[in-house]
Amino acid sequence: MAFDLAESLRRLKPEKRTRPLTRRSDQELPFVDLAQGFGPPLLLDTTVYIDVLQGRAPTEVADLLRLRLINHSTVALGELTHLFGRLDPSHANTKSTLRPIKGVINDIPPHRLSTPPAEVIAEAGIVTGIMARLNGLPKTDKQPFMNDVTLFLQALKMGCTLLSRNITDIDLIGQLVPTGRMLLYRAS
């Protein structure tokens, strides 16, 4: 397995994290409207797909998606395909809801879709645990941030910037892993 627990623990220092995390002010965060059009490739959070499909992505996000190289994660793919099992097939709106999602999934170029490596998944578990402990989540709430942390760390590993509407969670993750890059936005 390509994972060195000791190295990850040295880098992440979970024992040094003792204060609850709080969301930083908007002025301290990188929002798309402040970003240049050209820069590192993007890795998309599931929120981006949803907002684009629902017409809620701001113009700045649409422009950015045209200008930057776009990468996709199997983590976001799993979150999108979850709806195919979750939505009631007998509900009148299910087919019309799933049709555009199917189109987006079919349009993902295979060479732009990647799976997070073992070290990313393992470190995501550590960071998720730190977040849960610092925010006082009940132990029954096992991994509420795992997918977001995995996407963040996958973007870091790939040299990408994570694009997301999930401002609070991504900010908290960025505080624990300050070497990662993020661009945030609000839905229109």
Protein backbone atom coordinates (compact mmCIF):
# COMPACT_ATOMS: atom_id res chain seq x y z
CA MET A 1 0.00 0.00 0.00
CA ALA A 2 1.34 3.43 -0.95
CA PHE A 3 0.61 5.02 2.42
CA ASP A 4 3.01 6.02 5.18
CA LEU A 5 0.97 6.59 8.36
CA ALA A 6 3.91 8.03 10.29
CA GLU A 7 4.60 10.60 7.56
CA SER A 8 0.93 11.61 7.35
CA LEU A 9 0.72 12.02 11.13
CA ARG A 10 3.90 14.13 11.11
CA ARG A 11 2.46 16.37 8.40
CA LEU A 12 -1.11 16.67 9.73
CA LYS A 13 -0.22 16.75 13.47
CA PRO A 14 -3.66 15.75 14.83
CA GLU A 15 -2.37 15.94 18.41
CA LYS A 16 -1.57 19.65 17.97
CA ARG A 17 -5.15 20.46 16.92
CA THR A 18 -7.10 21.33 20.05
CA ARG A 19 -9.18 24.42 19.31
CA PRO A 20 -12.57 24.30 17.59
CA LEU A 21 -12.54 25.41 13.98
CA THR A 22 -14.50 28.49 12.95
CA ARG A 23 -15.29 29.76 9.50
CA ARG A 24 -13.15 32.65 8.38
CA SER A 25 -14.62 35.87 7.02
CA ASP A 26 -15.37 36.16 3.31
CA GLN A 27 -12.50 38.64 2.94
CA GLU A 28 -10.06 35.92 3.97
CA LEU A 29 -11.40 33.36 1.47
CA PRO A 30 -10.70 32.92 -2.26
CA PHE A 31 -13.97 33.49 -4.13
CA VAL A 32 -14.27 32.98 -7.87
CA ASP A 33 -15.06 36.62 -8.54
CA LEU A 34 -11.61 37.49 -7.15
CA ALA A 35 -9.83 34.79 -9.15
CA GLN A 36 -8.05 35.22 -12.43
CA GLY A 37 -9.48 33.27 -15.34
CA PHE A 38 -6.24 31.44 -15.99
CA GLY A 39 -4.55 29.24 -13.44
CA PRO A 40 -4.15 25.64 -12.30
CA PRO A 41 -6.63 22.98 -13.41
CA LEU A 42 -9.84 22.61 -11.43
CA LEU A 43 -11.28 19.61 -9.63
CA LEU A 44 -15.03 19.97 -9.26
CA ASP A 45 -16.99 19.45 -6.07
CA THR A 46 -20.42 17.89 -6.55
CA THR A 47 -22.00 21.27 -5.80
CA VAL A 48 -20.66 22.60 -9.12
CA TYR A 49 -22.45 19.93 -11.18
CA ILE A 50 -25.69 20.53 -9.29
CA ASP A 51 -25.54 24.31 -9.62
CA VAL A 52 -24.72 24.18 -13.34
CA LEU A 53 -27.58 21.74 -13.97
CA GLN A 54 -30.03 23.85 -11.98
CA GLY A 55 -28.90 27.11 -13.59
CA ARG A 56 -27.68 28.45 -10.25
CA ALA A 57 -23.98 28.72 -11.11
CA PRO A 58 -22.95 32.38 -11.24
CA THR A 59 -21.56 33.81 -14.47
CA GLU A 60 -18.05 33.87 -12.98
CA VAL A 61 -18.19 30.11 -12.43
CA ALA A 62 -19.45 29.46 -15.96
CA ASP A 63 -16.62 31.64 -17.33
CA LEU A 64 -14.05 29.85 -15.18
CA LEU A 65 -15.27 26.45 -16.38
CA ARG A 66 -14.70 27.57 -19.96
CA LEU A 67 -11.20 28.89 -19.27
CA ARG A 68 -9.64 26.27 -17.03
CA LEU A 69 -8.79 22.63 -17.54
CA ILE A 70 -11.46 20.61 -15.71
CA ASN A 71 -10.83 17.36 -13.82
CA HIS A 72 -13.41 15.08 -12.27
CA SER A 73 -13.29 12.74 -9.27
CA THR A 74 -14.92 9.39 -8.72
CA VAL A 75 -15.95 10.82 -5.34
CA ALA A 76 -18.21 13.39 -7.04
CA LEU A 77 -19.30 10.73 -9.53
CA GLY A 78 -20.43 8.56 -6.61
CA GLU A 79 -22.37 11.44 -5.08
CA LEU A 80 -24.11 12.09 -8.40
CA THR A 81 -24.93 8.43 -9.09
CA HIS A 82 -26.33 8.08 -5.56
CA LEU A 83 -29.45 9.81 -6.88
CA PHE A 84 -30.13 6.97 -9.34
CA GLY A 85 -30.69 4.66 -6.39
CA ARG A 86 -32.09 7.20 -3.97
CA LEU A 87 -34.89 8.82 -5.96
CA ASP A 88 -38.24 7.05 -6.07
CA PRO A 89 -38.58 5.50 -9.56
CA SER A 90 -42.38 5.78 -9.37
CA HIS A 91 -42.30 9.53 -8.70
CA ALA A 92 -43.40 11.59 -11.71
CA ASN A 93 -40.32 13.85 -11.67
CA THR A 94 -37.62 11.20 -11.20
CA LYS A 95 -36.92 10.55 -14.90
CA SER A 96 -36.75 14.26 -15.75
CA THR A 97 -34.46 14.86 -12.76
CA LEU A 98 -32.09 12.02 -13.64
CA ARG A 99 -31.91 12.72 -17.39
CA PRO A 100 -29.57 15.76 -17.16
CA ILE A 101 -27.46 14.06 -14.49
CA LYS A 102 -27.02 11.10 -16.81
CA GLY A 103 -25.97 13.52 -19.56
CA VAL A 104 -23.37 15.20 -17.35
CA ILE A 105 -21.95 11.84 -16.28
CA ASN A 106 -21.79 10.60 -19.89
CA ASP A 107 -19.99 13.82 -20.90
CA ILE A 108 -17.11 13.34 -18.44
CA PRO A 109 -14.03 12.51 -20.54
CA PRO A 110 -12.55 9.25 -19.24
CA HIS A 111 -9.04 10.72 -19.26
CA ARG A 112 -10.22 13.55 -16.96
CA LEU A 113 -11.83 11.22 -14.36
CA SER A 114 -9.60 9.97 -11.56
CA THR A 115 -9.88 7.99 -8.36
CA PRO A 116 -8.18 9.26 -5.21
CA PRO A 117 -5.15 7.13 -4.31
CA ALA A 118 -4.91 5.20 -1.04
CA GLU A 119 -2.83 7.89 0.68
CA VAL A 120 -5.51 10.52 -0.08
CA ILE A 121 -8.28 8.32 1.33
CA ALA A 122 -6.22 7.51 4.43
CA GLU A 123 -5.29 11.14 5.09
CA ALA A 124 -8.90 12.17 4.47
CA GLY A 125 -9.83 9.82 7.31
CA ILE A 126 -7.36 11.57 9.63
CA VAL A 127 -8.52 15.08 8.66
CA THR A 128 -12.18 14.04 8.94
CA GLY A 129 -11.48 12.70 12.42
CA ILE A 130 -9.77 15.95 13.43
CA MET A 131 -12.76 17.97 12.17
CA ALA A 132 -15.24 15.76 13.99
CA ARG A 133 -13.28 15.97 17.25
CA LEU A 134 -12.69 19.72 17.09
CA ASN A 135 -16.31 20.46 16.21
CA GLY A 136 -17.66 18.13 18.92
CA LEU A 137 -19.62 15.89 16.58
CA PRO A 138 -21.17 12.81 18.20
CA LYS A 139 -19.21 9.62 17.66
CA THR A 140 -22.23 8.13 15.89
CA ASP A 141 -21.78 10.76 13.15
CA LYS A 142 -18.85 8.83 11.69
CA GLN A 143 -17.66 10.65 8.58
CA PRO A 144 -19.79 13.68 7.72
CA PHE A 145 -16.96 15.48 5.91
CA MET A 146 -15.17 12.51 4.36
CA ASN A 147 -16.13 13.16 0.73
CA ASP A 148 -15.31 16.87 0.93
CA VAL A 149 -11.96 16.20 2.60
CA THR A 150 -11.17 13.51 0.04
CA LEU A 151 -11.92 15.89 -2.84
CA PHE A 152 -9.80 18.62 -1.23
CA LEU A 153 -6.83 16.29 -0.73
CA GLN A 154 -7.25 14.75 -4.18
CA ALA A 155 -7.12 18.24 -5.71
CA LEU A 156 -3.95 18.95 -3.72
CA LYS A 157 -2.34 15.67 -4.84
CA MET A 158 -3.22 16.42 -8.49
CA GLY A 159 -2.00 20.03 -8.38
CA CYS A 160 -5.56 21.27 -8.92
CA THR A 161 -7.74 23.88 -7.28
CA LEU A 162 -10.98 22.57 -5.77
CA LEU A 163 -14.01 24.56 -6.96
CA SER A 164 -16.93 24.43 -4.52
CA ARG A 165 -20.02 26.20 -3.21
CA ASN A 166 -19.56 24.42 0.14
CA ILE A 167 -17.94 27.48 1.71
CA THR A 168 -17.92 26.56 5.41
CA ASP A 169 -16.75 22.95 5.15
CA ILE A 170 -14.09 23.66 2.52
CA ASP A 171 -12.82 26.62 4.57
CA LEU A 172 -12.47 24.41 7.68
CA ILE A 173 -10.64 21.76 5.65
CA GLY A 174 -8.37 24.44 4.19
CA GLN A 175 -7.46 25.59 7.70
CA LEU A 176 -6.30 22.06 8.55
CA VAL A 177 -4.55 21.58 5.20
CA PRO A 178 -3.34 25.07 4.26
CA THR A 179 -1.28 23.81 1.31
CA GLY A 180 -4.46 23.00 -0.63
CA ARG A 181 -6.03 25.40 -3.11
CA MET A 182 -9.71 26.26 -3.25
CA LEU A 183 -12.02 28.60 -5.12
CA LEU A 184 -15.42 29.23 -3.60
CA TYR A 185 -18.66 30.73 -4.87
CA ARG A 186 -22.25 31.31 -3.92
CA ALA A 187 -25.11 30.06 -6.04
CA SER A 188 -27.07 32.65 -8.01
